[in-house]
Protein backbone atom coordinates (compact mmCIF):
# COMPACT_ATOMS: atom_id res chain seq x y z
CA MET A 1 0.33 0.30 0.44
CA THR A 2 1.11 3.54 -0.70
CA SER A 3 0.54 6.10 0.48
CA THR A 4 -0.14 9.97 -0.81
CA PRO A 5 2.37 12.23 0.61
CA VAL A 6 1.33 14.96 2.82
CA PRO A 7 1.50 18.71 0.96
CA ALA A 8 3.99 20.80 2.87
CA PRO A 9 2.12 23.57 4.49
CA SER A 10 1.92 27.07 3.89
CA PRO A 11 3.83 28.87 6.71
CA GLU A 12 0.48 31.34 6.70
CA ASP A 13 -1.04 27.39 8.48
CA VAL A 14 2.26 26.57 10.63
CA ALA A 15 2.21 30.16 11.98
CA ALA A 16 -1.96 29.34 12.63
CA VAL A 17 -1.50 25.95 14.32
CA GLN A 18 0.97 26.83 16.52
CA GLN A 19 -1.35 29.51 17.45
CA VAL A 20 -4.51 27.53 18.89
CA PRO A 21 -2.64 26.38 21.94
CA GLN A 22 -2.48 29.89 22.58
CA ARG A 23 -6.17 30.53 22.12
CA ILE A 24 -6.81 28.93 25.04
CA VAL A 25 -4.61 29.85 26.98
CA ALA A 26 -5.23 33.60 26.22
CA ALA A 27 -8.92 32.17 27.10
CA TRP A 28 -8.74 30.50 30.12
CA ALA A 29 -6.52 33.84 31.83
CA ASP A 30 -9.55 35.69 31.01
CA ASN A 31 -11.44 32.67 31.73
CA ASP A 32 -13.93 33.12 28.80
CA ALA A 33 -15.83 30.33 28.67
CA ASP A 34 -17.08 31.44 24.88
CA ALA A 35 -13.45 32.66 23.46
CA PHE A 36 -12.49 28.79 25.15
CA ALA A 37 -15.01 27.19 23.31
CA ASP A 38 -14.90 29.18 19.09
CA VAL A 39 -11.28 27.11 19.39
CA PHE A 40 -13.52 24.09 18.65
CA ALA A 41 -14.55 23.54 15.70
CA VAL A 42 -18.89 23.00 16.23
CA ASP A 43 -18.94 19.64 16.82
CA GLY A 44 -15.33 19.15 18.83
CA SER A 45 -14.96 17.11 21.72
CA LEU A 46 -13.24 17.64 24.46
CA ILE A 47 -11.93 14.60 26.78
CA LEU A 48 -10.76 15.05 29.97
CA PRO A 49 -8.97 12.79 32.88
CA ASN A 50 -11.57 13.25 35.11
CA ASP A 51 -14.78 11.31 33.40
CA VAL A 52 -15.51 14.81 30.73
CA TYR A 53 -16.17 14.01 27.46
CA LEU A 54 -17.80 16.62 25.93
CA LYS A 55 -18.73 16.70 22.47
CA SER A 56 -19.40 19.70 20.82
CA ARG A 57 -18.38 23.12 20.96
CA GLU A 58 -21.62 24.77 23.73
CA GLU A 59 -20.89 21.63 25.35
CA VAL A 60 -17.60 22.55 26.19
CA ARG A 61 -18.94 26.47 26.06
CA LEU A 62 -20.92 25.17 29.23
CA PHE A 63 -18.49 23.58 30.94
CA MET A 64 -16.40 26.24 30.50
CA LYS A 65 -18.70 28.72 31.87
CA GLN A 66 -19.36 26.38 35.19
CA ALA A 67 -15.57 25.53 35.34
CA PHE A 68 -14.33 29.46 35.78
CA ALA A 69 -17.14 29.74 38.81
CA GLY A 70 -16.13 27.00 40.00
CA PRO A 71 -13.14 24.84 40.57
CA TYR A 72 -10.71 27.04 37.89
CA ALA A 73 -11.62 30.20 39.16
CA GLY A 74 -8.26 32.25 39.11
CA THR A 75 -6.32 29.18 37.97
CA ARG A 76 -4.39 29.97 34.42
CA VAL A 77 -3.55 26.97 31.72
CA TYR A 78 0.93 26.44 30.55
CA GLY A 79 1.05 24.73 27.90
CA GLN A 80 4.62 23.47 25.50
CA PRO A 81 4.42 22.55 22.10
CA LEU A 82 6.46 18.89 21.91
CA ALA A 83 6.15 17.94 18.60
CA ALA A 84 3.46 18.88 15.55
CA LYS A 85 2.74 17.70 12.44
CA PHE A 86 0.33 17.94 8.98
CA LEU A 87 -1.36 14.65 8.21
CA ALA A 88 -3.27 16.03 5.37
CA ASP A 89 -4.25 18.80 3.95
CA GLY A 90 -6.08 20.94 6.48
CA VAL A 91 -5.01 18.57 9.04
CA ALA A 92 -2.77 18.87 11.40
CA LEU A 93 -1.68 17.10 15.15
CA VAL A 94 -0.41 18.59 18.40
CA ILE A 95 1.17 17.42 21.46
CA THR A 96 1.83 19.77 24.46
CA GLN A 97 2.70 19.70 27.78
CA GLY A 98 1.80 21.70 30.69
CA GLY A 99 -0.91 22.05 32.75
CA VAL A 100 -3.57 24.06 34.92
CA LEU A 101 -1.76 27.03 37.66
CA GLN A 102 -3.18 27.72 40.98
CA PRO A 103 -3.25 31.45 41.78
CA GLY A 104 0.30 32.23 42.51
CA GLU A 105 2.04 29.51 41.06
CA GLU A 106 4.70 29.50 38.03
CA GLU A 107 4.83 26.21 37.68
CA VAL A 108 2.55 23.46 36.90
CA ALA A 109 2.78 21.61 40.44
CA PRO A 110 3.80 17.53 39.20
CA GLU A 111 0.18 16.06 40.26
CA ARG A 112 -1.28 18.12 37.73
CA ALA A 113 1.16 18.28 35.06
CA ILE A 114 -0.79 17.18 31.60
CA ARG A 115 0.29 15.81 28.06
CA ALA A 116 -2.50 16.97 25.59
CA SER A 117 -2.95 15.68 22.10
CA TRP A 118 -4.39 18.64 19.72
CA LEU A 119 -6.26 17.95 16.37
CA LEU A 120 -7.12 20.27 14.30
CA VAL A 121 -9.13 21.03 11.18
CA LYS A 122 -8.68 23.84 9.20
CA GLN A 123 -12.35 25.35 8.05
CA ASP A 124 -13.08 27.92 6.93
CA GLU A 125 -9.74 29.16 6.74
CA GLU A 126 -9.35 28.90 10.42
CA TRP A 127 -7.35 26.43 12.31
CA LEU A 128 -9.59 24.35 14.93
CA LEU A 129 -9.64 21.70 17.77
CA THR A 130 -12.03 18.61 16.21
CA ALA A 131 -10.76 16.61 19.22
CA TYR A 132 -8.72 17.45 22.14
CA GLN A 133 -7.34 15.15 25.08
CA ASN A 134 -5.19 15.48 27.64
CA THR A 135 -3.86 12.67 29.97
CA PRO A 136 -2.05 13.22 33.40
CA VAL A 137 1.93 13.00 33.62
CA GLN A 138 2.90 10.46 36.00
CA ALA A 139 5.90 11.69 38.23
CA GLY A 140 8.38 9.43 39.33
């Protein structure tokens, strides 16, 4: 079986893909559930280790509104890219490492460290999250 080579992404697409995690970081810093959800495709999914499985932008929006009013109030999120690759025209995968920073923290505590997979799609000239999942990093 032969595979079709993936076309080289444009410099604009590379830059836009790299900005997606930063858009999430900025929305989180503002506790802005709308800006956070708007990074997702309409049918985008979000999977978190605490049995959270959301299947749409609107579910993400509602979850984050509640989270920013509750357990995530006053927190920030940090993410550092580990890898990025374009899988097909208009499809990219980004892997990050980071986690949630509690008020006053400058580094992610080991018990909150995660690695995340970001599957991105280009829709109407905008890169959006179609699937996000994170996994705790085991200390030790």
